[in-house]
Amino acid sequence: MALPDPKSLKLLNHVPPRLLSAAERYLKAVPLVRDLLSKETDTLLSELEGSLKPYRGKMTAFGRLPVTGRSREEVLRELQALEAQEEERWREGKVSGAVYNGDQEHIDFLNRVYALHSQSNPLHADLWPSATKFEAEVVAMAASMLGADAANAGRVPDEHVCGSMSSGGTESIMLAVKTYRDWARETKGITKPEMVAPSSAHPAFDKAAHYFGVKMVRVPVGPDYRADVAATRKALNRNTILLIGSAPGFPHGVIDPISELSELARKKRLGFHTDACLGGFVLPFARALGRQVPPFDFRLPGVTSMSVDTHKFGYAAKGSSVVLYRGTALRSHQYFTATEWPGGIYFSPTFSGSRPGALIAVAWASLVSMGEQGYMEATRRILETADTLKQGIRSVPELHVLGDPLFVIAFGSETLDIFKVMERMGERGWSLNGLHKPAAVHLCVTLRHAQPGVAERFLADLREAVDHVKAHPGEKGTMAPVYGMAAAVPFRGLVSDLLKKYMDLLYKV
């Protein structure tokens, strides 16, 4: 059994999803088909295993505790060896996103902060009041940066923008969805909640829907890859509790029409969440630099919550993020309390009980050491680099840039298999993100790419990759067919099964 031809699979995209799902269940119930699918998947994963487990056979593996502990010096030597092997690509700026600062002095500074607070845990606020000080100030600084000063003017403190820190953008988004679910149940009596999001919104919203029993309603984006306001309006019903927009969206790097979407939510008395995980520490400074940035934050009265990642362009260590709300009444639905436990009263503001106070301290240290001027200069460098890259990509006749992005640049092709181009770039050391619907590739520009010569090297390698794919149209590659199949196959359960087995592989020693 070979990988299906993506072109033939596209014919099934016109079949209603309900019928496709039923057909898939029927096919997977047939023993012969099930065995063939399993064999094909196992073959594919076995080919990937070598790249996913490069240290197997080269370094000691531990499937159980060693009888005698290794010396600390030996452990440190091994960790240093691993770091040396893995840091080259991101340090040279050959990775999309992932490492957003990477300057060695900045890393050393954050590591010193972490070491000072490695034992800190805000669950025990009496022991580590510094952790709660840092968290409150990180939240306040992020809120002020995202329009809280204007939103708070003339309002009592309980109506001011507030929030908490989380472990990353996914947790921030999940906390917000859980908050709106509980808010709608208590204040509106809604027991079958729904939320409406553009197709480009981050899958963390689907994850939250899956965990918290909220129905996700996806609406298409327009030809500019921004959320369709009219389609969003049509998707609303009496069970809708939340609308979503991104600033910018991860796939195409464009900013949704937050002003129109949030005003629609305000008039309908719904929640509206701006996902600024990626852009929250870029867009305010881009606007200050004179770039055209549409309204997206708490300056808009309809925006009731936001997420922004300190561990991305806030240049803190992984993983930390901030979720913000318009008023403490809304935030209170995020909290958890237990009053009848024999162990005493228990409460936690986020999903975690114990939390790493050191990461909170690192986020605080990053923000106060960078300051507005530091973020302004970083944003200037990133945007200038992105301008160079966009101009260079658009100069390649076979390529086009999707939409009008600011610093996350998606590009595709009408004449070439863009996944083959991505694979060729991978052979030259570039780690890019493959996109679906439509097929494209994107690069999230960071300070790593703003280093001298990186943008020029990327464009030279991209032109070579395009020329190579043009000159070798029959070359299949190794991963390009997989990306093509995943983009085209209408049986999404097959793709989901493959991803689950891939995750199983990651956990193999």
Protein backbone atom coordinates (compact mmCIF):
# COMPACT_ATOMS: atom_id res chain seq x y z
CA MET A 1 0.00 0.00 0.00
CA ALA A 2 1.45 3.38 -1.02
CA LEU A 3 0.61 6.90 0.07
CA PRO A 4 -2.52 8.09 -1.77
CA ASP A 5 -2.14 10.62 -4.55
CA PRO A 6 -3.18 14.01 -3.06
CA LYS A 7 -4.76 15.06 -6.36
CA SER A 8 -7.09 12.06 -6.36
CA LEU A 9 -7.98 12.63 -2.72
CA LYS A 10 -9.08 16.20 -3.45
CA LEU A 11 -12.04 14.81 -5.39
CA LEU A 12 -13.50 13.65 -2.07
CA ASN A 13 -13.41 17.14 -0.56
CA HIS A 14 -16.81 17.81 -2.13
CA VAL A 15 -18.38 14.97 -0.15
CA PRO A 16 -20.20 16.16 3.02
CA PRO A 17 -18.01 15.67 6.14
CA ARG A 18 -20.71 13.60 7.85
CA LEU A 19 -20.69 11.05 5.01
CA LEU A 20 -16.88 10.99 4.88
CA SER A 21 -16.72 10.32 8.62
CA ALA A 22 -19.20 7.45 8.30
CA ALA A 23 -17.26 6.01 5.35
CA GLU A 24 -14.02 6.24 7.28
CA ARG A 25 -15.48 4.37 10.26
CA TYR A 26 -16.74 1.65 7.91
CA LEU A 27 -13.39 1.28 6.13
CA LYS A 28 -11.41 1.13 9.38
CA ALA A 29 -13.72 -1.64 10.61
CA VAL A 30 -12.67 -3.87 7.69
CA PRO A 31 -9.76 -6.03 8.96
CA LEU A 32 -7.84 -5.99 5.66
CA VAL A 33 -8.07 -2.19 5.33
CA ARG A 34 -7.22 -1.70 8.99
CA ASP A 35 -4.14 -3.92 8.68
CA LEU A 36 -2.98 -2.16 5.51
CA LEU A 37 -3.37 1.25 7.14
CA SER A 38 -1.48 0.11 10.23
CA LYS A 39 1.33 -1.35 8.13
CA GLU A 40 1.64 1.82 6.07
CA THR A 41 1.69 4.00 9.17
CA ASP A 42 4.27 1.82 10.90
CA THR A 43 6.51 1.94 7.82
CA LEU A 44 6.28 5.71 7.67
CA LEU A 45 7.04 6.13 11.36
CA SER A 46 9.96 3.71 11.24
CA GLU A 47 11.51 5.95 8.58
CA LEU A 48 11.08 8.94 10.89
CA GLU A 49 12.34 7.23 14.03
CA GLY A 50 16.01 7.72 13.20
CA SER A 51 15.65 11.49 12.91
CA LEU A 52 13.50 11.70 16.04
CA LYS A 53 15.90 9.57 18.12
CA PRO A 54 19.37 10.67 16.93
CA TYR A 55 21.06 9.86 20.25
CA ARG A 56 19.96 6.24 20.34
CA GLY A 57 23.04 4.04 20.52
CA LYS A 58 25.32 7.05 20.96
CA MET A 59 24.48 8.02 24.52
CA THR A 60 23.37 6.08 27.57
CA ALA A 61 19.59 5.67 27.72
CA PHE A 62 17.70 5.22 30.99
CA GLY A 63 14.58 3.05 31.01
CA ARG A 64 14.81 2.76 34.79
CA LEU A 65 16.63 4.47 37.62
CA PRO A 66 20.36 3.74 37.69
CA VAL A 67 21.33 1.65 40.71
CA THR A 68 24.00 4.18 41.58
CA GLY A 69 23.56 7.81 40.73
CA ARG A 70 25.93 9.34 38.19
CA SER A 71 28.31 12.09 39.24
CA ARG A 72 27.07 15.62 38.74
CA GLU A 73 30.12 16.42 36.62
CA GLU A 74 29.31 13.53 34.28
CA VAL A 75 25.67 14.60 34.00
CA LEU A 76 26.70 18.17 33.22
CA ARG A 77 29.17 17.04 30.57
CA GLU A 78 26.45 15.05 28.80
CA LEU A 79 23.98 17.93 28.98
CA GLN A 80 26.58 20.31 27.56
CA ALA A 81 27.31 17.89 24.72
CA LEU A 82 23.62 17.71 23.85
CA GLU A 83 23.26 21.49 23.93
CA ALA A 84 26.26 21.92 21.66
CA GLN A 85 24.68 19.63 19.05
CA GLU A 86 21.27 21.27 19.15
CA GLU A 87 21.95 24.99 19.39
CA GLU A 88 23.70 25.56 16.06
CA ARG A 89 20.60 25.82 13.84
CA TRP A 90 18.59 28.16 16.05
CA ARG A 91 21.62 30.28 16.92
CA GLU A 92 22.33 30.82 13.22
CA GLY A 93 18.72 31.92 12.68
CA LYS A 94 17.64 28.93 10.57
CA VAL A 95 14.49 28.19 12.57
CA SER A 96 11.02 29.72 12.25
CA GLY A 97 10.04 31.17 15.63
CA ALA A 98 11.07 28.79 18.47
CA VAL A 99 13.89 30.98 19.88
CA TYR A 100 12.81 34.60 19.82
CA ASN A 101 15.86 36.35 21.27
CA GLY A 102 18.83 34.01 21.59
CA ASP A 103 21.42 36.64 22.50
CA GLN A 104 23.93 34.92 24.79
CA GLU A 105 24.12 37.78 27.30
CA HIS A 106 20.32 37.80 27.56
CA ILE A 107 20.26 34.01 28.04
CA ASP A 108 22.98 34.17 30.70
CA PHE A 109 21.08 36.90 32.54
CA LEU A 110 17.83 34.92 32.55
CA ASN A 111 19.65 31.78 33.69
CA ARG A 112 21.08 33.68 36.68
CA VAL A 113 17.58 34.92 37.58
CA TYR A 114 16.21 31.38 37.33
CA ALA A 115 18.96 30.02 39.58
CA LEU A 116 18.16 32.60 42.25
CA HIS A 117 14.50 31.58 42.33
CA SER A 118 14.66 27.88 41.42
CA GLN A 119 12.93 26.84 44.66
CA SER A 120 10.16 29.44 44.49
CA ASN A 121 6.52 28.33 44.27
CA PRO A 122 3.66 30.87 44.31
CA LEU A 123 1.35 28.20 45.73
CA HIS A 124 3.06 29.07 49.01
CA ALA A 125 2.64 32.82 48.91
CA ASP A 126 3.67 33.14 52.55
CA LEU A 127 7.08 31.62 51.82
CA TRP A 128 7.70 33.35 48.49
CA PRO A 129 5.91 36.70 48.42
CA SER A 130 8.43 37.70 45.76
CA ALA A 131 6.70 35.32 43.33
CA THR A 132 3.33 37.01 43.76
CA LYS A 133 5.00 40.43 43.46
CA PHE A 134 6.60 39.41 40.16
CA GLU A 135 3.41 37.87 38.78
CA ALA A 136 1.23 40.85 39.64
CA GLU A 137 3.71 43.21 38.03
CA VAL A 138 4.10 41.11 34.85
CA VAL A 139 0.31 41.09 34.48
CA ALA A 140 0.12 44.84 35.09
CA MET A 141 2.89 45.64 32.62
CA ALA A 142 1.32 43.45 29.91
CA ALA A 143 -2.10 44.99 30.53
CA SER A 144 -0.75 48.54 30.32
CA MET A 145 1.03 47.71 27.07
CA LEU A 146 -2.25 46.36 25.63
CA GLY A 147 -4.55 49.30 26.24
CA ALA A 148 -5.49 48.93 29.90
CA ASP A 149 -4.69 52.55 30.74
CA ALA A 150 -7.39 53.77 28.36
CA ALA A 151 -9.79 50.97 29.28
CA ASN A 152 -9.43 51.61 33.02
CA ALA A 153 -9.95 55.39 32.86
CA GLY A 154 -12.93 56.46 34.95
CA ARG A 155 -13.68 52.92 36.15
CA VAL A 156 -13.57 51.46 39.66
CA PRO A 157 -10.66 49.07 40.39
CA ASP A 158 -12.80 45.93 40.11
CA GLU A 159 -13.52 46.88 36.48
CA HIS A 160 -9.86 47.36 35.57
CA VAL A 161 -8.04 44.98 33.23
CA CYS A 162 -6.53 42.16 35.28
CA GLY A 163 -5.28 38.64 34.74
CA SER A 164 -2.78 35.95 35.68
CA MET A 165 0.26 34.18 34.32
CA SER A 166 0.17 30.71 32.78
CA SER A 167 2.57 28.14 31.38
CA GLY A 168 2.15 29.26 27.78
CA GLY A 169 -0.27 30.41 25.12
CA THR A 170 -2.22 27.16 25.09
CA GLU A 171 -2.93 27.37 28.81
CA SER A 172 -3.84 31.06 28.53
CA ILE A 173 -6.36 30.24 25.80
CA MET A 174 -7.74 27.25 27.67
CA LEU A 175 -8.13 29.30 30.84
CA ALA A 176 -10.08 31.94 28.92
CA VAL A 177 -12.44 29.38 27.35
CA LYS A 178 -13.03 27.71 30.71
CA THR A 179 -13.71 31.14 32.21
CA TYR A 180 -16.31 32.04 29.59
CA ARG A 181 -17.98 28.65 29.90
CA ASP A 182 -18.46 29.09 33.64
CA TRP A 183 -19.41 32.76 33.26
CA ALA A 184 -22.11 31.95 30.71
CA ARG A 185 -23.47 29.10 32.81
CA GLU A 186 -23.74 31.26 35.92
CA THR A 187 -24.92 34.54 34.38
CA LYS A 188 -26.92 33.31 31.36
CA GLY A 189 -27.88 29.75 32.22
CA ILE A 190 -26.21 28.42 29.06
CA THR A 191 -25.48 24.70 29.43
CA LYS A 192 -24.58 23.90 25.80
CA PRO A 193 -22.03 26.63 25.10
CA GLU A 194 -20.58 27.40 21.67
CA MET A 195 -17.75 29.64 20.52
CA VAL A 196 -17.11 31.02 17.03
CA ALA A 197 -13.63 31.28 15.59
CA PRO A 198 -12.13 31.79 12.14
CA SER A 199 -10.56 28.73 10.52
CA SER A 200 -7.15 30.32 11.12
CA ALA A 201 -7.50 30.58 14.93
CA HIS A 202 -5.02 28.49 16.92
CA PRO A 203 -5.96 24.85 17.62
CA ALA A 204 -5.56 25.58 21.34
CA PHE A 205 -9.17 26.78 21.10
CA ASP A 206 -10.20 23.37 19.75
CA LYS A 207 -8.26 21.77 22.56
CA ALA A 208 -10.15 23.89 25.07
CA ALA A 209 -13.44 23.00 23.38
CA HIS A 210 -12.52 19.32 23.62
CA TYR A 211 -11.58 19.52 27.31
CA PHE A 212 -14.39 21.76 28.51
CA GLY A 213 -17.39 20.65 26.48
CA VAL A 214 -17.72 23.81 24.41
CA LYS A 215 -18.81 23.40 20.80
CA MET A 216 -16.33 24.93 18.37
CA VAL A 217 -17.89 26.61 15.33
CA ARG A 218 -15.28 27.41 12.69
CA VAL A 219 -16.05 30.00 9.99
CA PRO A 220 -14.01 30.63 6.82
CA VAL A 221 -11.57 33.44 6.31
CA GLY A 222 -11.81 35.87 3.43
CA PRO A 223 -9.48 36.08 0.42
CA ASP A 224 -7.18 38.26 2.52
CA TYR A 225 -6.97 35.40 5.10
CA ARG A 226 -8.66 37.53 7.75
CA ALA A 227 -11.77 36.43 9.68
CA ASP A 228 -15.04 36.86 7.77
CA VAL A 229 -17.27 39.14 9.85
CA ALA A 230 -20.44 38.31 7.92
CA ALA A 231 -19.85 34.56 8.30
CA THR A 232 -19.21 35.08 11.99
CA ARG A 233 -22.50 36.94 12.40
CA LYS A 234 -24.41 34.12 10.68
CA ALA A 235 -22.83 31.54 12.98
CA LEU A 236 -24.21 33.11 16.18
CA ASN A 237 -27.09 31.57 18.10
CA ARG A 238 -28.55 31.56 21.61
CA ASN A 239 -25.78 29.24 22.86
CA THR A 240 -22.88 31.36 21.62
CA ILE A 241 -20.76 32.60 24.51
CA LEU A 242 -17.51 33.72 22.86
CA LEU A 243 -16.06 35.15 19.63
CA ILE A 244 -12.38 34.91 18.76
CA GLY A 245 -9.91 36.89 16.68
CA SER A 246 -6.13 36.74 16.28
CA ALA A 247 -3.53 39.50 16.24
CA PRO A 248 -1.93 38.10 14.21
CA GLY A 249 -3.00 34.57 13.32
CA PHE A 250 -0.24 31.96 13.38
CA PRO A 251 -0.70 30.55 9.84
CA HIS A 252 -0.68 33.67 7.68
CA GLY A 253 0.51 36.41 10.03
CA VAL A 254 -2.43 38.72 9.34
CA ILE A 255 -4.53 40.55 11.91
CA ASP A 256 -8.23 39.72 12.01
CA PRO A 257 -10.78 42.60 11.90
CA ILE A 258 -10.82 42.78 15.70
CA SER A 259 -12.68 46.09 15.78
CA GLU A 260 -15.68 44.75 13.84
CA LEU A 261 -15.68 41.34 15.51
CA SER A 262 -15.43 42.70 19.04
CA GLU A 263 -18.14 45.27 18.40
CA LEU A 264 -20.39 42.46 17.15
CA ALA A 265 -19.69 40.62 20.40
CA ARG A 266 -20.33 43.74 22.50
CA LYS A 267 -23.71 44.38 20.91
CA LYS A 268 -24.69 40.74 21.44
CA ARG A 269 -23.34 40.82 25.02
CA LEU A 270 -20.88 38.04 24.27
CA GLY A 271 -17.29 37.57 25.29
CA PHE A 272 -14.55 38.45 22.83
CA HIS A 273 -11.01 37.12 23.06
CA THR A 274 -8.07 38.57 21.15
CA ASP A 275 -5.37 35.95 20.78
CA ALA A 276 -2.22 38.09 20.79
CA CYS A 277 0.06 35.29 21.95
CA LEU A 278 2.27 35.88 18.93
CA GLY A 279 1.88 39.62 18.41
CA GLY A 280 1.26 41.10 21.83
CA PHE A 281 4.87 42.21 22.34
CA VAL A 282 5.32 43.34 18.72
CA LEU A 283 2.19 45.18 17.58
CA PRO A 284 2.20 47.99 20.20
CA PHE A 285 5.77 48.87 19.28
CA ALA A 286 5.14 48.43 15.55
CA ARG A 287 2.38 51.03 15.88
CA ALA A 288 4.74 53.36 17.76
CA LEU A 289 7.23 52.94 14.90
CA GLY A 290 4.63 54.22 12.45
CA ARG A 291 3.44 50.90 11.02
CA GLN A 292 -0.23 50.47 10.14
CA VAL A 293 -1.58 48.33 12.97
CA PRO A 294 -5.39 48.13 13.27
CA PRO A 295 -6.97 48.28 16.76
CA PHE A 296 -6.82 44.91 18.51
CA ASP A 297 -6.56 45.38 22.28
CA PHE A 298 -8.50 46.71 25.31
CA ARG A 299 -8.85 50.13 23.71
CA LEU A 300 -11.75 48.47 21.91
CA PRO A 301 -14.70 48.26 24.35
CA GLY A 302 -15.79 44.89 22.97
CA VAL A 303 -12.51 43.11 23.78
CA THR A 304 -13.10 41.33 27.08
CA SER A 305 -9.99 39.13 27.26
CA MET A 306 -6.58 38.67 25.66
CA SER A 307 -3.67 36.24 25.66
CA VAL A 308 -0.06 37.33 25.17
CA ASP A 309 3.06 35.20 25.47
CA THR A 310 5.96 36.52 27.51
CA HIS A 311 8.02 33.54 26.31
CA LYS A 312 7.78 34.60 22.65
CA PHE A 313 8.53 38.22 21.80
CA GLY A 314 8.58 39.11 25.50
CA TYR A 315 11.92 37.25 25.41
CA ALA A 316 11.35 35.34 28.65
CA ALA A 317 12.22 31.67 29.10
CA LYS A 318 9.81 28.90 28.07
CA GLY A 319 7.13 28.60 29.28
CA SER A 320 5.23 31.63 30.46
CA SER A 321 2.27 33.61 29.17
CA VAL A 322 -0.34 36.07 30.39
CA VAL A 323 -4.13 35.90 30.14
CA LEU A 324 -5.97 39.18 30.70
CA TYR A 325 -9.62 39.99 31.48
CA ARG A 326 -11.74 43.11 31.58
CA GLY A 327 -12.57 43.15 35.29
CA THR A 328 -12.18 40.89 38.30
CA ALA A 329 -15.75 39.57 38.04
CA LEU A 330 -14.88 37.81 34.79
CA ARG A 331 -11.49 36.61 36.05
CA SER A 332 -13.11 35.05 39.12
CA HIS A 333 -14.60 32.34 36.88
CA GLN A 334 -11.05 31.21 36.09
CA TYR A 335 -10.26 30.45 39.73
CA PHE A 336 -10.68 27.13 41.53
CA THR A 337 -11.45 26.79 45.23
CA ALA A 338 -12.07 23.79 47.49
CA THR A 339 -13.58 24.48 50.92
CA GLU A 340 -14.46 20.99 52.28
CA TRP A 341 -11.15 19.15 51.97
CA PRO A 342 -9.80 17.65 55.25
CA GLY A 343 -6.38 18.98 54.25
CA GLY A 344 -7.58 22.55 54.67
CA ILE A 345 -8.82 25.17 52.26
CA TYR A 346 -7.32 24.94 48.79
CA PHE A 347 -7.31 27.37 45.89
CA SER A 348 -5.42 27.98 42.67
CA PRO A 349 -5.77 30.70 40.03
CA THR A 350 -4.76 28.51 37.06
CA PHE A 351 -4.79 24.81 36.16
CA SER A 352 -1.55 24.10 38.01
CA GLY A 353 -1.28 23.90 41.77
CA SER A 354 2.43 24.28 42.27
CA ARG A 355 3.94 26.60 39.70
CA PRO A 356 7.57 27.42 38.86
CA GLY A 357 8.18 30.73 40.55
CA ALA A 358 11.53 30.90 38.80
CA LEU A 359 9.83 31.23 35.39
CA ILE A 360 7.66 34.03 36.75
CA ALA A 361 10.78 35.79 38.05
CA VAL A 362 12.48 35.32 34.67
CA ALA A 363 9.50 36.86 32.84
CA TRP A 364 9.56 39.83 35.21
CA ALA A 365 13.32 40.23 34.76
CA SER A 366 13.02 40.09 30.98
CA LEU A 367 10.32 42.76 30.87
CA VAL A 368 11.98 45.21 33.24
CA SER A 369 15.45 44.75 31.71
CA MET A 370 14.18 45.23 28.14
CA GLY A 371 11.90 48.18 28.84
CA GLU A 372 9.94 50.03 26.17
CA GLN A 373 13.08 51.17 24.37
CA GLY A 374 14.45 47.64 24.23
CA TYR A 375 11.24 46.22 22.77
CA MET A 376 11.00 49.12 20.35
CA GLU A 377 14.50 48.48 19.00
CA ALA A 378 13.90 44.72 18.78
CA THR A 379 10.66 45.31 16.88
CA ARG A 380 12.35 47.73 14.49
CA ARG A 381 15.00 45.15 13.63
CA ILE A 382 12.43 42.39 13.15
CA LEU A 383 10.18 44.47 10.91
CA GLU A 384 13.06 45.68 8.75
CA THR A 385 14.21 42.08 8.33
CA ALA A 386 10.67 40.99 7.49
CA ASP A 387 10.46 43.74 4.84
CA THR A 388 13.63 42.41 3.21
CA LEU A 389 12.29 38.86 3.25
CA LYS A 390 8.88 39.79 1.84
CA GLN A 391 10.44 41.77 -0.97
CA GLY A 392 12.81 38.92 -1.77
CA ILE A 393 10.09 36.26 -1.77
CA ARG A 394 7.85 38.37 -4.00
CA SER A 395 10.73 38.76 -6.48
CA VAL A 396 10.70 34.99 -7.14
CA PRO A 397 8.19 34.53 -9.99
CA GLU A 398 7.05 31.11 -8.81
CA LEU A 399 6.19 32.29 -5.28
CA HIS A 400 3.60 34.60 -3.74
CA VAL A 401 3.11 35.94 -0.21
CA LEU A 402 -0.25 35.15 1.37
CA GLY A 403 -2.19 38.21 2.54
CA ASP A 404 -0.43 41.28 3.91
CA PRO A 405 1.61 40.04 6.89
CA LEU A 406 3.80 42.11 9.17
CA PHE A 407 6.41 39.70 10.54
CA VAL A 408 5.01 36.15 10.08
CA ILE A 409 5.43 35.51 6.36
CA ALA A 410 3.49 32.73 4.62
CA PHE A 411 4.25 31.99 0.99
CA GLY A 412 2.96 29.50 -1.56
CA SER A 413 3.14 28.66 -5.24
CA GLU A 414 0.70 28.11 -8.08
CA THR A 415 3.19 26.15 -10.16
CA LEU A 416 5.39 24.20 -7.72
CA ASP A 417 4.85 21.77 -4.87
CA ILE A 418 5.64 24.15 -2.02
CA PHE A 419 6.29 21.24 0.35
CA LYS A 420 9.11 20.07 -1.94
CA VAL A 421 10.54 23.58 -1.72
CA MET A 422 10.26 23.40 2.07
CA GLU A 423 12.00 20.01 2.09
CA ARG A 424 14.84 21.34 -0.04
CA MET A 425 15.19 24.25 2.40
CA GLY A 426 15.32 21.69 5.20
CA GLU A 427 18.25 19.99 3.47
CA ARG A 428 20.02 23.34 3.62
CA GLY A 429 19.39 23.58 7.37
CA TRP A 430 16.20 25.69 7.47
CA SER A 431 13.37 24.57 9.76
CA LEU A 432 10.15 26.10 8.38
CA ASN A 433 6.46 25.51 9.11
CA GLY A 434 4.24 23.74 6.59
CA LEU A 435 0.68 25.09 6.26
CA HIS A 436 -2.53 23.62 4.87
CA LYS A 437 -5.64 25.11 3.23
CA PRO A 438 -3.97 26.46 1.15
CA ALA A 439 -0.65 24.65 0.95
CA ALA A 440 2.04 27.09 2.00
CA VAL A 441 5.15 27.55 4.12
CA HIS A 442 5.79 30.23 6.69
CA LEU A 443 8.65 31.85 8.53
CA CYS A 444 8.08 33.65 11.83
CA VAL A 445 10.76 36.35 11.87
CA THR A 446 12.63 36.78 15.16
CA LEU A 447 15.75 38.55 16.38
CA ARG A 448 17.72 35.51 15.21
CA HIS A 449 16.84 36.39 11.63
CA ALA A 450 17.78 40.03 12.20
CA GLN A 451 21.44 39.06 12.52
CA PRO A 452 23.63 40.33 9.66
CA GLY A 453 23.40 38.19 6.55
CA VAL A 454 20.67 35.78 7.69
CA ALA A 455 17.87 37.22 5.53
CA GLU A 456 20.14 37.31 2.50
CA ARG A 457 21.22 33.70 3.09
CA PHE A 458 17.58 32.62 3.43
CA LEU A 459 16.61 34.25 0.13
CA ALA A 460 19.60 32.78 -1.70
CA ASP A 461 18.77 29.30 -0.41
CA LEU A 462 15.08 29.81 -1.25
CA ARG A 463 15.91 30.71 -4.86
CA GLU A 464 18.13 27.64 -5.10
CA ALA A 465 15.35 25.47 -3.63
CA VAL A 466 12.83 26.78 -6.16
CA ASP A 467 15.27 26.21 -9.04
CA HIS A 468 15.99 22.68 -7.81
CA VAL A 469 12.30 21.74 -7.58
CA LYS A 470 11.70 23.20 -11.07
CA ALA A 471 14.61 21.19 -12.47
CA HIS A 472 13.58 17.92 -10.76
CA PRO A 473 9.77 17.74 -11.03
CA GLY A 474 9.72 13.96 -10.56
CA GLU A 475 11.70 13.98 -7.33
CA LYS A 476 9.35 12.87 -4.55
CA GLY A 477 11.48 13.55 -1.49
CA THR A 478 10.80 11.97 1.90
CA MET A 479 8.48 14.29 3.81
CA ALA A 480 6.90 16.26 0.95
CA PRO A 481 4.46 13.43 0.08
CA VAL A 482 3.46 13.19 3.73
CA TYR A 483 2.70 16.91 3.91
CA GLY A 484 0.82 16.69 0.64
CA MET A 485 -1.27 13.76 1.87
CA ALA A 486 -2.00 15.44 5.21
CA ALA A 487 -3.14 18.56 3.40
CA ALA A 488 -5.37 16.75 0.94
CA VAL A 489 -6.71 13.61 2.60
CA PRO A 490 -10.39 14.08 3.44
CA PHE A 491 -10.38 11.28 6.03
CA ARG A 492 -9.14 13.40 8.93
CA GLY A 493 -9.32 10.46 11.33
CA LEU A 494 -6.45 8.85 9.41
CA VAL A 495 -4.33 11.95 9.92
CA SER A 496 -5.30 12.04 13.60
CA ASP A 497 -4.33 8.38 14.04
CA LEU A 498 -0.97 9.09 12.42
CA LEU A 499 -0.32 12.01 14.75
CA LYS A 500 -1.18 9.90 17.80
CA LYS A 501 1.26 7.21 16.73
CA TYR A 502 3.85 9.90 16.11
CA MET A 503 3.41 11.08 19.71
CA ASP A 504 3.71 7.48 20.91
CA LEU A 505 7.04 7.35 19.10
CA LEU A 506 8.28 10.44 20.93
CA TYR A 507 7.84 8.62 24.24
CA LYS A 508 9.93 5.60 23.23
CA VAL A 509 13.28 5.38 25.05
